[in-house]
Amino acid sequence: MAVKCVLFPWNKLTAVSRATDQYAQRYGSESVSQQVVKPTASSGRWVLMPFQEGRTR
């Protein structure tokens, strides 16, 4: 598993925090593209997802 954290000052922006909080709900479903790594959980400051080998873009 990997935890992706939203760093200061981005975690203080309401729009970023709200989008991060809803990330698992939106992209953890079965209806997303196979290219999306499906998150397990998220909050306004982090996203928990399976570790994906390779470079982050």
PDB file of N, CA and C in Angstrom:
ATOM      1  N   MET A   1       0.844  -1.180   0.000  1.00  0.00           N
ATOM      2  CA  MET A   1       0.000   0.000   0.000  1.00  0.00           C
ATOM      3  C   MET A   1       0.887   1.240   0.000  1.00  0.00           C
ATOM      4  N   ALA A   2       0.328   2.333  -0.464  1.00  0.00           N
ATOM      5  CA  ALA A   2       1.019   3.616  -0.489  1.00  0.00           C
ATOM      6  C   ALA A   2       0.076   4.695   0.038  1.00  0.00           C
ATOM      7  N   VAL A   3       0.637   5.648   0.754  1.00  0.00           N
ATOM      8  CA  VAL A   3      -0.131   6.792   1.222  1.00  0.00           C
ATOM      9  C   VAL A   3       0.395   8.015   0.484  1.00  0.00           C
ATOM     10  N   LYS A   4      -0.475   8.693  -0.227  1.00  0.00           N
ATOM     11  CA  LYS A   4      -0.107   9.937  -0.899  1.00  0.00           C
ATOM     12  C   LYS A   4      -0.642  11.071  -0.043  1.00  0.00           C
ATOM     13  N   CYS A   5       0.238  11.949   0.376  1.00  0.00           N
ATOM     14  CA  CYS A   5      -0.145  13.040   1.270  1.00  0.00           C
ATOM     15  C   CYS A   5      -0.223  14.362   0.525  1.00  0.00           C
ATOM     16  N   VAL A   6      -1.187  15.173   0.901  1.00  0.00           N
ATOM     17  CA  VAL A   6      -1.312  16.528   0.374  1.00  0.00           C
ATOM     18  C   VAL A   6      -0.536  17.436   1.325  1.00  0.00           C
ATOM     19  N   LEU A   7       0.476  18.094   0.808  1.00  0.00           N
ATOM     20  CA  LEU A   7       1.363  18.898   1.632  1.00  0.00           C
ATOM     21  C   LEU A   7       0.883  20.333   1.789  1.00  0.00           C
ATOM     22  N   PHE A   8       1.330  20.971   2.852  1.00  0.00           N
ATOM     23  CA  PHE A   8       1.093  22.386   3.082  1.00  0.00           C
ATOM     24  C   PHE A   8       1.762  23.169   1.959  1.00  0.00           C
ATOM     25  N   PRO A   9       1.178  24.177   1.393  1.00  0.00           N
ATOM     26  CA  PRO A   9      -0.068  24.842   1.762  1.00  0.00           C
ATOM     27  C   PRO A   9      -1.292  24.296   1.052  1.00  0.00           C
ATOM     28  N   TRP A  10      -1.104  23.284   0.174  1.00  0.00           N
ATOM     29  CA  TRP A  10      -2.231  22.775  -0.616  1.00  0.00           C
ATOM     30  C   TRP A  10      -3.329  22.179   0.256  1.00  0.00           C
ATOM     31  N   ASN A  11      -2.961  21.566   1.390  1.00  0.00           N
ATOM     32  CA  ASN A  11      -3.977  20.958   2.259  1.00  0.00           C
ATOM     33  C   ASN A  11      -4.863  22.002   2.942  1.00  0.00           C
ATOM     34  N   LYS A  12      -4.479  23.268   2.861  1.00  0.00           N
ATOM     35  CA  LYS A  12      -5.289  24.332   3.466  1.00  0.00           C
ATOM     36  C   LYS A  12      -6.305  24.919   2.478  1.00  0.00           C
ATOM     37  N   LEU A  13      -6.198  24.556   1.205  1.00  0.00           N
ATOM     38  CA  LEU A  13      -7.139  25.053   0.201  1.00  0.00           C
ATOM     39  C   LEU A  13      -8.398  24.193   0.218  1.00  0.00           C
ATOM     40  N   THR A  14      -9.536  24.809   0.408  1.00  0.00           N
ATOM     41  CA  THR A  14     -10.798  24.083   0.554  1.00  0.00           C
ATOM     42  C   THR A  14     -11.082  23.180  -0.636  1.00  0.00           C
ATOM     43  N   ALA A  15     -10.893  23.658  -1.850  1.00  0.00           N
ATOM     44  CA  ALA A  15     -11.196  22.863  -3.045  1.00  0.00           C
ATOM     45  C   ALA A  15     -10.307  21.624  -3.130  1.00  0.00           C
ATOM     46  N   VAL A  16      -9.029  21.760  -2.814  1.00  0.00           N
ATOM     47  CA  VAL A  16      -8.104  20.625  -2.855  1.00  0.00           C
ATOM     48  C   VAL A  16      -8.450  19.630  -1.757  1.00  0.00           C
ATOM     49  N   SER A  17      -8.702  20.116  -0.560  1.00  0.00           N
ATOM     50  CA  SER A  17      -9.050  19.254   0.563  1.00  0.00           C
ATOM     51  C   SER A  17     -10.339  18.484   0.281  1.00  0.00           C
ATOM     52  N   ARG A  18     -11.335  19.153  -0.253  1.00  0.00           N
ATOM     53  CA  ARG A  18     -12.621  18.514  -0.558  1.00  0.00           C
ATOM     54  C   ARG A  18     -12.443  17.440  -1.642  1.00  0.00           C
ATOM     55  N   ALA A  19     -11.689  17.761  -2.691  1.00  0.00           N
ATOM     56  CA  ALA A  19     -11.462  16.796  -3.774  1.00  0.00           C
ATOM     57  C   ALA A  19     -10.695  15.578  -3.266  1.00  0.00           C
ATOM     58  N   THR A  20      -9.704  15.799  -2.406  1.00  0.00           N
ATOM     59  CA  THR A  20      -8.922  14.692  -1.847  1.00  0.00           C
ATOM     60  C   THR A  20      -9.798  13.833  -0.943  1.00  0.00           C
ATOM     61  N   ASP A  21     -10.644  14.473  -0.150  1.00  0.00           N
ATOM     62  CA  ASP A  21     -11.532  13.753   0.760  1.00  0.00           C
ATOM     63  C   ASP A  21     -12.479  12.833  -0.012  1.00  0.00           C
ATOM     64  N   GLN A  22     -12.935  13.261  -1.173  1.00  0.00           N
ATOM     65  CA  GLN A  22     -13.896  12.493  -1.968  1.00  0.00           C
ATOM     66  C   GLN A  22     -13.230  11.553  -2.976  1.00  0.00           C
ATOM     67  N   TYR A  23     -11.901  11.520  -3.005  1.00  0.00           N
ATOM     68  CA  TYR A  23     -11.164  10.748  -4.007  1.00  0.00           C
ATOM     69  C   TYR A  23     -11.504   9.257  -3.972  1.00  0.00           C
ATOM     70  N   ALA A  24     -11.480   8.644  -2.802  1.00  0.00           N
ATOM     71  CA  ALA A  24     -11.771   7.208  -2.695  1.00  0.00           C
ATOM     72  C   ALA A  24     -13.212   6.905  -3.077  1.00  0.00           C
ATOM     73  N   GLN A  25     -14.107   7.775  -2.702  1.00  0.00           N
ATOM     74  CA  GLN A  25     -15.517   7.574  -3.040  1.00  0.00           C
ATOM     75  C   GLN A  25     -15.708   7.623  -4.551  1.00  0.00           C
ATOM     76  N   ARG A  26     -15.045   8.550  -5.209  1.00  0.00           N
ATOM     77  CA  ARG A  26     -15.200   8.727  -6.654  1.00  0.00           C
ATOM     78  C   ARG A  26     -14.437   7.674  -7.453  1.00  0.00           C
ATOM     79  N   TYR A  27     -13.177   7.426  -7.120  1.00  0.00           N
ATOM     80  CA  TYR A  27     -12.328   6.564  -7.939  1.00  0.00           C
ATOM     81  C   TYR A  27     -12.156   5.155  -7.397  1.00  0.00           C
ATOM     82  N   GLY A  28     -12.763   4.851  -6.275  1.00  0.00           N
ATOM     83  CA  GLY A  28     -12.678   3.511  -5.715  1.00  0.00           C
ATOM     84  C   GLY A  28     -13.758   2.577  -6.229  1.00  0.00           C
ATOM     85  N   SER A  29     -14.659   3.099  -7.034  1.00  0.00           N
ATOM     86  CA  SER A  29     -15.760   2.281  -7.555  1.00  0.00           C
ATOM     87  C   SER A  29     -15.297   1.440  -8.739  1.00  0.00           C
ATOM     88  N   GLU A  30     -16.131   0.551  -9.172  1.00  0.00           N
ATOM     89  CA  GLU A  30     -15.821  -0.335 -10.298  1.00  0.00           C
ATOM     90  C   GLU A  30     -15.975   0.360 -11.647  1.00  0.00           C
ATOM     91  N   SER A  31     -16.535   1.569 -11.693  1.00  0.00           N
ATOM     92  CA  SER A  31     -16.869   2.214 -12.961  1.00  0.00           C
ATOM     93  C   SER A  31     -15.752   3.079 -13.537  1.00  0.00           C
ATOM     94  N   VAL A  32     -14.576   3.062 -12.950  1.00  0.00           N
ATOM     95  CA  VAL A  32     -13.478   3.891 -13.447  1.00  0.00           C
ATOM     96  C   VAL A  32     -12.598   3.117 -14.429  1.00  0.00           C
ATOM     97  N   SER A  33     -11.796   3.842 -15.188  1.00  0.00           N
ATOM     98  CA  SER A  33     -10.880   3.257 -16.156  1.00  0.00           C
ATOM     99  C   SER A  33      -9.889   2.329 -15.466  1.00  0.00           C
ATOM    100  N   GLN A  34      -9.414   1.325 -16.183  1.00  0.00           N
ATOM    101  CA  GLN A  34      -8.424   0.405 -15.632  1.00  0.00           C
ATOM    102  C   GLN A  34      -7.088   1.099 -15.400  1.00  0.00           C
ATOM    103  N   GLN A  35      -6.878   2.273 -15.982  1.00  0.00           N
ATOM    104  CA  GLN A  35      -5.643   3.025 -15.798  1.00  0.00           C
ATOM    105  C   GLN A  35      -5.589   3.718 -14.442  1.00  0.00           C
ATOM    106  N   VAL A  36      -6.719   3.835 -13.776  1.00  0.00           N
ATOM    107  CA  VAL A  36      -6.787   4.490 -12.468  1.00  0.00           C
ATOM    108  C   VAL A  36      -6.472   3.463 -11.384  1.00  0.00           C
ATOM    109  N   VAL A  37      -5.506   3.789 -10.520  1.00  0.00           N
ATOM    110  CA  VAL A  37      -5.216   2.938  -9.366  1.00  0.00           C
ATOM    111  C   VAL A  37      -6.321   3.201  -8.347  1.00  0.00           C
ATOM    112  N   LYS A  38      -7.092   2.185  -8.024  1.00  0.00           N
ATOM    113  CA  LYS A  38      -8.268   2.368  -7.171  1.00  0.00           C
ATOM    114  C   LYS A  38      -7.869   2.559  -5.713  1.00  0.00           C
ATOM    115  N   PRO A  39      -8.214   3.706  -5.149  1.00  0.00           N
ATOM    116  CA  PRO A  39      -7.874   3.986  -3.754  1.00  0.00           C
ATOM    117  C   PRO A  39      -8.730   3.170  -2.791  1.00  0.00           C
ATOM    118  N   THR A  40      -8.178   2.931  -1.619  1.00  0.00           N
ATOM    119  CA  THR A  40      -8.874   2.216  -0.561  1.00  0.00           C
ATOM    120  C   THR A  40      -9.618   3.183   0.348  1.00  0.00           C
ATOM    121  N   ALA A  41      -8.985   4.316   0.660  1.00  0.00           N
ATOM    122  CA  ALA A  41      -9.567   5.312   1.558  1.00  0.00           C
ATOM    123  C   ALA A  41      -8.918   6.656   1.269  1.00  0.00           C
ATOM    124  N   SER A  42      -9.582   7.716   1.721  1.00  0.00           N
ATOM    125  CA  SER A  42      -9.004   9.053   1.573  1.00  0.00           C
ATOM    126  C   SER A  42      -9.580   9.990   2.623  1.00  0.00           C
ATOM    127  N   SER A  43      -8.854  11.068   2.853  1.00  0.00           N
ATOM    128  CA  SER A  43      -9.321  12.137   3.746  1.00  0.00           C
ATOM    129  C   SER A  43      -8.927  13.446   3.079  1.00  0.00           C
ATOM    130  N   GLY A  44      -9.131  14.542   3.737  1.00  0.00           N
ATOM    131  CA  GLY A  44      -8.751  15.829   3.189  1.00  0.00           C
ATOM    132  C   GLY A  44      -7.258  16.027   3.072  1.00  0.00           C
ATOM    133  N   ARG A  45      -6.463  15.109   3.655  1.00  0.00           N
ATOM    134  CA  ARG A  45      -5.006  15.257   3.651  1.00  0.00           C
ATOM    135  C   ARG A  45      -4.238  14.093   3.040  1.00  0.00           C
ATOM    136  N   TRP A  46      -4.890  12.963   2.760  1.00  0.00           N
ATOM    137  CA  TRP A  46      -4.167  11.816   2.219  1.00  0.00           C
ATOM    138  C   TRP A  46      -5.091  10.890   1.441  1.00  0.00           C
ATOM    139  N   VAL A  47      -4.459  10.046   0.605  1.00  0.00           N
ATOM    140  CA  VAL A  47      -5.160   8.999  -0.149  1.00  0.00           C
ATOM    141  C   VAL A  47      -4.378   7.709   0.063  1.00  0.00           C
ATOM    142  N   LEU A  48      -5.065   6.630   0.434  1.00  0.00           N
ATOM    143  CA  LEU A  48      -4.455   5.317   0.616  1.00  0.00           C
ATOM    144  C   LEU A  48      -4.812   4.471  -0.603  1.00  0.00           C
ATOM    145  N   MET A  49      -3.777   3.937  -1.280  1.00  0.00           N
ATOM    146  CA  MET A  49      -4.018   3.146  -2.485  1.00  0.00           C
ATOM    147  C   MET A  49      -2.938   2.082  -2.636  1.00  0.00           C
ATOM    148  N   PRO A  50      -3.194   1.068  -3.477  1.00  0.00           N
ATOM    149  CA  PRO A  50      -2.166   0.064  -3.725  1.00  0.00           C
ATOM    150  C   PRO A  50      -0.927   0.739  -4.332  1.00  0.00           C
ATOM    151  N   PHE A  51       0.249   0.215  -3.995  1.00  0.00           N
ATOM    152  CA  PHE A  51       1.487   0.755  -4.552  1.00  0.00           C
ATOM    153  C   PHE A  51       1.546   0.437  -6.034  1.00  0.00           C
ATOM    154  N   GLN A  52       1.894   1.433  -6.839  1.00  0.00           N
ATOM    155  CA  GLN A  52       1.987   1.283  -8.291  1.00  0.00           C
ATOM    156  C   GLN A  52       3.450   1.487  -8.687  1.00  0.00           C
ATOM    157  N   GLU A  53       4.061   0.472  -9.254  1.00  0.00           N
ATOM    158  CA  GLU A  53       5.444   0.597  -9.729  1.00  0.00           C
ATOM    159  C   GLU A  53       5.499   1.611 -10.865  1.00  0.00           C
ATOM    160  N   GLY A  54       6.618   2.285 -10.966  1.00  0.00           N
ATOM    161  CA  GLY A  54       6.816   3.202 -12.083  1.00  0.00           C
ATOM    162  C   GLY A  54       6.851   4.650 -11.646  1.00  0.00           C
ATOM    163  N   ARG A  55       7.069   5.503 -12.628  1.00  0.00           N
ATOM    164  CA  ARG A  55       7.220   6.923 -12.381  1.00  0.00           C
ATOM    165  C   ARG A  55       5.873   7.638 -12.237  1.00  0.00           C
ATOM    166  N   THR A  56       5.781   8.545 -11.291  1.00  0.00           N
ATOM    167  CA  THR A  56       4.580   9.354 -11.100  1.00  0.00           C
ATOM    168  C   THR A  56       4.587  10.503 -12.100  1.00  0.00           C
ATOM    169  N   ARG A  57       3.458  10.761 -12.702  1.00  0.00           N
ATOM    170  CA  ARG A  57       3.370  11.873 -13.667  1.00  0.00           C
ATOM    171  C   ARG A  57       2.570  13.010 -13.114  1.00  0.00           C
TER     172      ARG A  57
END
